[in-house]
């Protein structure tokens, strides 16, 4: 039986109430900063092989729109839709599959899968959507302990892992371009502390997510992936690794930003995604 979550209908009511009023809950913009609509965003998503939905992890508008977009893509493509998320580490796939198949209950899921603190409010609706409709839900992220090894010892630390552990990361060696803006910014924001290891640890996550996205995609499928916006902004990070696997892959990027005034997109946020969700700074957070 379909489960309903309190925050989803509440947000739907908020959106309906605010649309056309003087305090909208969000505004959508194109890559060039022009206002657009949910309908146009959905049409663009329908054409994509992979949708990288870049969220702010504690933003309720993101999570509501993720659910709505997933539901609407399912209405069109049915079981050709595949879900996946940064919030689940690859070595937890078996436990996640046991829940999706009904082998274990939600009370047991927390014992076998490392869940984020905001799982119940923000990600359970998506997981249960996959369960209800018998869809794949792919745990795409590198186990955190392995990303920490990269931070301490660079990619060489991954080479030392046993083969049983390497199955949960991108195939080695992992390509890396320190000149990409996404990694340059991490390096600069850290003041160069630790050299390239910090951006490399981010790249290890991006490469692993791309690996498990592509491994579970096939022509005719539509993969929607939920990740922090920094992992896909400006068609870099995850997409850079996806395009190395298949340059012809059609990837749509959705990004998120917050502003005091959401009637016009800040110039510096143009180009962050094919669609940019702009939410008021005063929006309530989920955690």
Protein backbone atom coordinates (compact mmCIF):
# COMPACT_ATOMS: atom_id res chain seq x y z
CA UNK A 1 0.00 0.00 0.00
CA UNK A 2 1.31 3.44 -0.88
CA UNK A 3 2.77 5.32 2.05
CA UNK A 4 2.31 9.04 2.45
CA UNK A 5 4.72 11.30 4.25
CA UNK A 6 3.56 14.38 6.06
CA UNK A 7 6.10 16.78 4.61
CA UNK A 8 5.28 15.93 0.96
CA UNK A 9 1.61 16.98 0.92
CA UNK A 10 2.42 19.97 3.12
CA UNK A 11 5.03 21.18 0.66
CA UNK A 12 2.67 20.56 -2.22
CA UNK A 13 0.08 22.76 -0.53
CA UNK A 14 2.70 25.43 0.12
CA UNK A 15 3.74 25.43 -3.52
CA UNK A 16 0.19 25.62 -4.82
CA UNK A 17 -0.65 28.38 -2.38
CA UNK A 18 2.42 30.43 -3.28
CA UNK A 19 2.42 30.04 -7.05
CA UNK A 20 1.26 33.31 -8.52
CA UNK A 21 1.37 34.97 -5.13
CA UNK A 22 3.94 37.48 -3.88
CA UNK A 23 5.95 34.91 -1.88
CA UNK A 24 6.75 31.92 -4.11
CA UNK A 25 8.45 28.95 -2.45
CA UNK A 26 10.88 28.59 -5.36
CA UNK A 27 11.65 29.80 -8.86
CA UNK A 28 13.15 27.74 -11.69
CA UNK A 29 15.72 29.20 -14.06
CA UNK A 30 17.41 27.95 -17.23
CA UNK A 31 21.17 27.62 -17.57
CA UNK A 32 21.22 31.22 -18.87
CA UNK A 33 19.23 32.59 -15.94
CA UNK A 34 15.88 32.87 -17.71
CA UNK A 35 12.73 31.90 -15.76
CA UNK A 36 11.33 28.51 -16.69
CA UNK A 37 8.65 26.10 -15.50
CA UNK A 38 8.39 22.67 -13.95
CA UNK A 39 6.70 21.41 -17.12
CA UNK A 40 9.70 22.44 -19.21
CA UNK A 41 12.08 20.91 -16.68
CA UNK A 42 10.17 17.63 -16.90
CA UNK A 43 10.25 17.67 -20.70
CA UNK A 44 14.02 18.14 -20.63
CA UNK A 45 14.39 15.33 -18.07
CA UNK A 46 12.40 12.98 -20.30
CA UNK A 47 15.05 13.35 -23.02
CA UNK A 48 18.00 12.59 -20.73
CA UNK A 49 19.73 9.27 -20.22
CA UNK A 50 20.89 10.47 -16.80
CA UNK A 51 19.45 13.25 -14.63
CA UNK A 52 21.87 14.49 -11.98
CA UNK A 53 19.59 16.16 -9.43
CA UNK A 54 21.88 18.41 -7.41
CA UNK A 55 20.32 19.23 -4.05
CA UNK A 56 21.05 21.11 -0.86
CA UNK A 57 20.82 18.23 1.60
CA UNK A 58 18.58 20.04 4.11
CA UNK A 59 16.35 21.85 1.61
CA UNK A 60 12.70 20.64 1.64
CA UNK A 61 11.93 22.12 -1.78
CA UNK A 62 14.68 20.01 -3.35
CA UNK A 63 13.36 16.84 -1.76
CA UNK A 64 9.79 17.54 -2.77
CA UNK A 65 10.78 18.29 -6.37
CA UNK A 66 12.93 15.14 -6.45
CA UNK A 67 9.88 13.10 -5.51
CA UNK A 68 7.63 14.87 -8.00
CA UNK A 69 10.10 14.56 -10.89
CA UNK A 70 10.72 10.89 -10.11
CA UNK A 71 6.98 10.20 -9.99
CA UNK A 72 6.38 12.02 -13.28
CA UNK A 73 9.24 10.22 -15.05
CA UNK A 74 7.85 6.92 -13.77
CA UNK A 75 4.44 7.75 -15.25
CA UNK A 76 6.12 7.98 -18.65
CA UNK A 77 8.82 5.30 -18.53
CA UNK A 78 7.68 2.86 -15.85
CA UNK A 79 10.27 0.26 -14.91
CA UNK A 80 12.81 1.80 -17.28
CA UNK A 81 13.44 4.40 -14.55
CA UNK A 82 16.41 3.66 -12.28
CA UNK A 83 17.03 5.59 -9.04
CA UNK A 84 20.35 6.11 -7.30
CA UNK A 85 21.86 8.34 -4.65
CA UNK A 86 25.03 9.70 -3.13
CA UNK A 87 23.44 9.09 0.28
CA UNK A 88 23.97 5.33 0.06
CA UNK A 89 27.45 3.79 -0.02
CA UNK A 90 28.07 1.03 -2.54
CA UNK A 91 28.94 -1.65 -0.01
CA UNK A 92 25.44 -1.26 1.45
CA UNK A 93 23.73 -2.28 -1.80
CA UNK A 94 22.85 -5.78 -0.61
CA UNK A 95 21.13 -4.46 2.53
CA UNK A 96 19.24 -1.88 0.48
CA UNK A 97 18.16 -4.58 -1.97
CA UNK A 98 16.87 -6.73 0.90
CA UNK A 99 14.63 -3.87 1.99
CA UNK A 100 13.44 -3.11 -1.55
CA UNK A 101 12.49 -6.76 -2.08
CA UNK A 102 10.57 -6.89 1.20
CA UNK A 103 12.97 -9.37 2.78
CA UNK A 104 13.56 -7.03 5.73
CA UNK A 105 11.40 -4.34 7.33
CA UNK A 106 12.25 -0.68 7.70
CA UNK A 107 13.16 -1.26 11.34
CA UNK A 108 15.90 -3.65 10.21
CA UNK A 109 17.18 -1.43 7.42
CA UNK A 110 18.99 0.85 9.84
CA UNK A 111 20.95 -2.14 11.19
CA UNK A 112 22.32 -3.20 7.80
CA UNK A 113 22.63 0.12 5.94
CA UNK A 114 24.44 3.30 7.04
CA UNK A 115 21.62 5.84 6.76
CA UNK A 116 21.99 9.61 6.84
CA UNK A 117 20.44 11.38 9.86
CA UNK A 118 17.75 12.93 7.62
CA UNK A 119 16.86 9.66 5.90
CA UNK A 120 13.34 9.44 7.32
CA UNK A 121 12.21 12.86 6.12
CA UNK A 122 14.27 13.35 2.97
CA UNK A 123 15.25 10.03 1.37
CA UNK A 124 12.86 7.39 2.66
CA UNK A 125 10.06 8.70 0.40
CA UNK A 126 12.29 8.04 -2.63
CA UNK A 127 13.44 4.62 -1.42
CA UNK A 128 9.86 3.61 -0.67
CA UNK A 129 8.78 4.87 -4.08
CA UNK A 130 11.31 2.46 -5.61
CA UNK A 131 10.09 -0.33 -3.32
CA UNK A 132 6.42 0.22 -4.14
CA UNK A 133 7.03 0.30 -7.89
CA UNK A 134 9.70 -2.41 -7.91
CA UNK A 135 12.41 -0.12 -9.26
CA UNK A 136 16.15 -0.40 -8.79
CA UNK A 137 17.68 1.96 -6.25
CA UNK A 138 21.45 2.06 -6.61
CA UNK A 139 23.84 2.87 -3.77
CA UNK A 140 26.44 4.82 -5.76
CA UNK A 141 28.84 6.45 -3.32
CA UNK A 142 32.30 5.27 -2.30
CA UNK A 143 32.36 3.98 1.30
CA UNK A 144 33.33 6.93 3.46
CA UNK A 145 36.27 5.08 5.00
CA UNK A 146 37.84 4.70 1.55
CA UNK A 147 37.36 8.38 0.69
CA UNK A 148 39.10 9.17 3.98
CA UNK A 149 42.03 7.00 2.89
CA UNK A 150 42.37 9.13 -0.26
CA UNK A 151 42.37 12.27 1.86
CA UNK A 152 45.21 10.85 3.92
CA UNK A 153 47.24 9.15 1.19
CA UNK A 154 45.98 10.09 -2.27
CA UNK A 155 44.80 7.59 -4.86
CA UNK A 156 47.74 5.34 -4.00
CA UNK A 157 45.87 4.40 -0.82
CA UNK A 158 43.16 2.76 -2.92
CA UNK A 159 45.67 0.61 -4.75
CA UNK A 160 46.56 -1.01 -1.44
CA UNK A 161 42.99 -2.16 -0.78
CA UNK A 162 42.15 -5.86 -1.12
CA UNK A 163 40.17 -6.88 -4.20
CA UNK A 164 37.13 -7.53 -2.01
CA UNK A 165 37.08 -3.81 -1.15
CA UNK A 166 37.91 -2.53 -4.64
CA UNK A 167 34.53 -3.75 -5.91
CA UNK A 168 32.94 -0.82 -4.06
CA UNK A 169 34.97 1.91 -5.79
CA UNK A 170 35.55 3.12 -9.34
CA UNK A 171 37.99 0.96 -11.33
CA UNK A 172 41.61 1.90 -10.72
CA UNK A 173 43.49 3.92 -11.70
CA UNK A 174 41.05 6.83 -11.28
CA UNK A 175 41.56 9.66 -13.78
CA UNK A 176 41.97 13.09 -12.24
CA UNK A 177 42.14 16.62 -13.65
CA UNK A 178 43.21 19.17 -11.05
CA UNK A 179 42.42 22.03 -13.48
CA UNK A 180 38.66 21.39 -13.38
CA UNK A 181 36.95 24.26 -11.59
CA UNK A 182 35.20 21.93 -9.14
CA UNK A 183 38.54 20.60 -7.84
CA UNK A 184 40.46 23.86 -8.14
CA UNK A 185 37.91 25.53 -5.84
CA UNK A 186 38.26 22.81 -3.20
CA UNK A 187 42.04 23.14 -3.32
CA UNK A 188 41.93 26.94 -3.09
CA UNK A 189 39.29 27.02 -0.34
CA UNK A 190 41.51 24.74 1.74
CA UNK A 191 44.41 27.12 1.19
CA UNK A 192 46.33 24.32 -0.46
CA UNK A 193 46.49 22.42 2.84
CA UNK A 194 47.15 18.75 2.19
CA UNK A 195 48.00 19.32 -1.47
CA UNK A 196 45.70 17.57 -3.94
CA UNK A 197 44.50 14.90 -1.51
CA UNK A 198 41.36 16.80 -0.47
CA UNK A 199 40.08 17.41 -4.02
CA UNK A 200 41.18 13.87 -4.90
CA UNK A 201 38.95 12.50 -2.15
CA UNK A 202 36.07 14.41 -3.75
CA UNK A 203 37.06 13.03 -7.15
CA UNK A 204 37.05 9.50 -5.74
CA UNK A 205 33.40 10.04 -4.78
CA UNK A 206 32.53 11.53 -8.18
CA UNK A 207 34.27 8.75 -10.09
CA UNK A 208 32.61 6.04 -8.00
CA UNK A 209 29.16 7.57 -8.37
CA UNK A 210 29.67 7.82 -12.13
CA UNK A 211 30.86 4.21 -12.22
CA UNK A 212 27.78 2.82 -10.49
CA UNK A 213 25.42 5.08 -12.42
CA UNK A 214 26.83 3.93 -15.74
CA UNK A 215 27.06 0.28 -14.66
CA UNK A 216 23.32 0.29 -13.96
CA UNK A 217 22.26 2.26 -17.03
CA UNK A 218 21.55 0.85 -20.47
CA UNK A 219 20.12 2.39 -23.65
CA UNK A 220 16.42 3.04 -23.15
CA UNK A 221 16.77 3.46 -19.38
CA UNK A 222 16.41 6.76 -17.52
CA UNK A 223 18.62 7.08 -14.45
CA UNK A 224 17.78 9.81 -11.93
CA UNK A 225 20.54 10.38 -9.40
CA UNK A 226 20.22 12.41 -6.20
CA UNK A 227 23.41 14.12 -5.06
CA UNK A 228 24.71 17.26 -3.47
CA UNK A 229 24.74 19.97 -6.10
CA UNK A 230 28.51 20.39 -5.90
CA UNK A 231 28.91 16.86 -7.29
CA UNK A 232 27.29 17.87 -10.59
CA UNK A 233 27.34 21.67 -10.90
CA UNK A 234 28.51 23.15 -14.21
CA UNK A 235 28.47 19.73 -15.88
CA UNK A 236 31.66 18.76 -14.09
CA UNK A 237 32.47 16.22 -11.34
CA UNK A 238 30.18 13.19 -11.84
CA UNK A 239 29.37 14.14 -15.43
CA UNK A 240 33.06 14.50 -16.31
CA UNK A 241 33.55 10.86 -15.35
CA UNK A 242 30.35 9.74 -17.08
CA UNK A 243 31.41 11.39 -20.33
CA UNK A 244 34.77 9.63 -20.17
CA UNK A 245 32.80 6.37 -20.25
CA UNK A 246 30.38 7.48 -22.95
CA UNK A 247 30.73 10.92 -24.58
CA UNK A 248 27.33 10.51 -26.27
CA UNK A 249 25.47 10.09 -22.96
CA UNK A 250 22.70 12.68 -22.57
CA UNK A 251 23.12 14.14 -19.10
CA UNK A 252 20.79 16.74 -17.59
CA UNK A 253 21.99 18.68 -14.55
CA UNK A 254 19.62 20.21 -12.03
CA UNK A 255 21.24 22.53 -9.51
CA UNK A 256 20.09 24.39 -6.41
CA UNK A 257 20.82 27.77 -4.90
CA UNK A 258 19.30 30.06 -2.28
CA UNK A 259 18.88 33.83 -2.44
CA UNK A 260 17.15 36.65 -0.57
CA UNK A 261 15.28 37.62 -3.76
CA UNK A 262 14.36 34.71 -6.02
CA UNK A 263 12.73 36.76 -8.76
CA UNK A 264 16.05 36.97 -10.63
CA UNK A 265 18.96 34.55 -10.58
CA UNK A 266 22.27 35.90 -9.34
CA UNK A 267 24.71 36.23 -12.23
CA UNK A 268 27.33 34.02 -10.58
CA UNK A 269 24.84 31.12 -10.44
CA UNK A 270 24.16 31.09 -14.17
CA UNK A 271 25.55 27.98 -15.80
CA UNK A 272 25.35 25.83 -12.66
CA UNK A 273 22.77 23.53 -14.21
CA UNK A 274 20.43 23.10 -17.15
CA UNK A 275 17.78 24.02 -14.60
CA UNK A 276 18.53 25.88 -11.38
CA UNK A 277 16.14 25.69 -8.44
CA UNK A 278 16.23 29.00 -6.58
CA UNK A 279 14.82 28.92 -3.06
CA UNK A 280 14.45 31.78 -0.53
CA UNK A 281 17.17 31.97 2.11
CA UNK A 282 14.43 31.94 4.74
CA UNK A 283 13.08 28.53 3.69
CA UNK A 284 12.72 26.11 6.60
CA UNK A 285 15.37 23.37 6.59
CA UNK A 286 14.78 19.68 7.26
CA UNK A 287 17.64 19.30 9.74
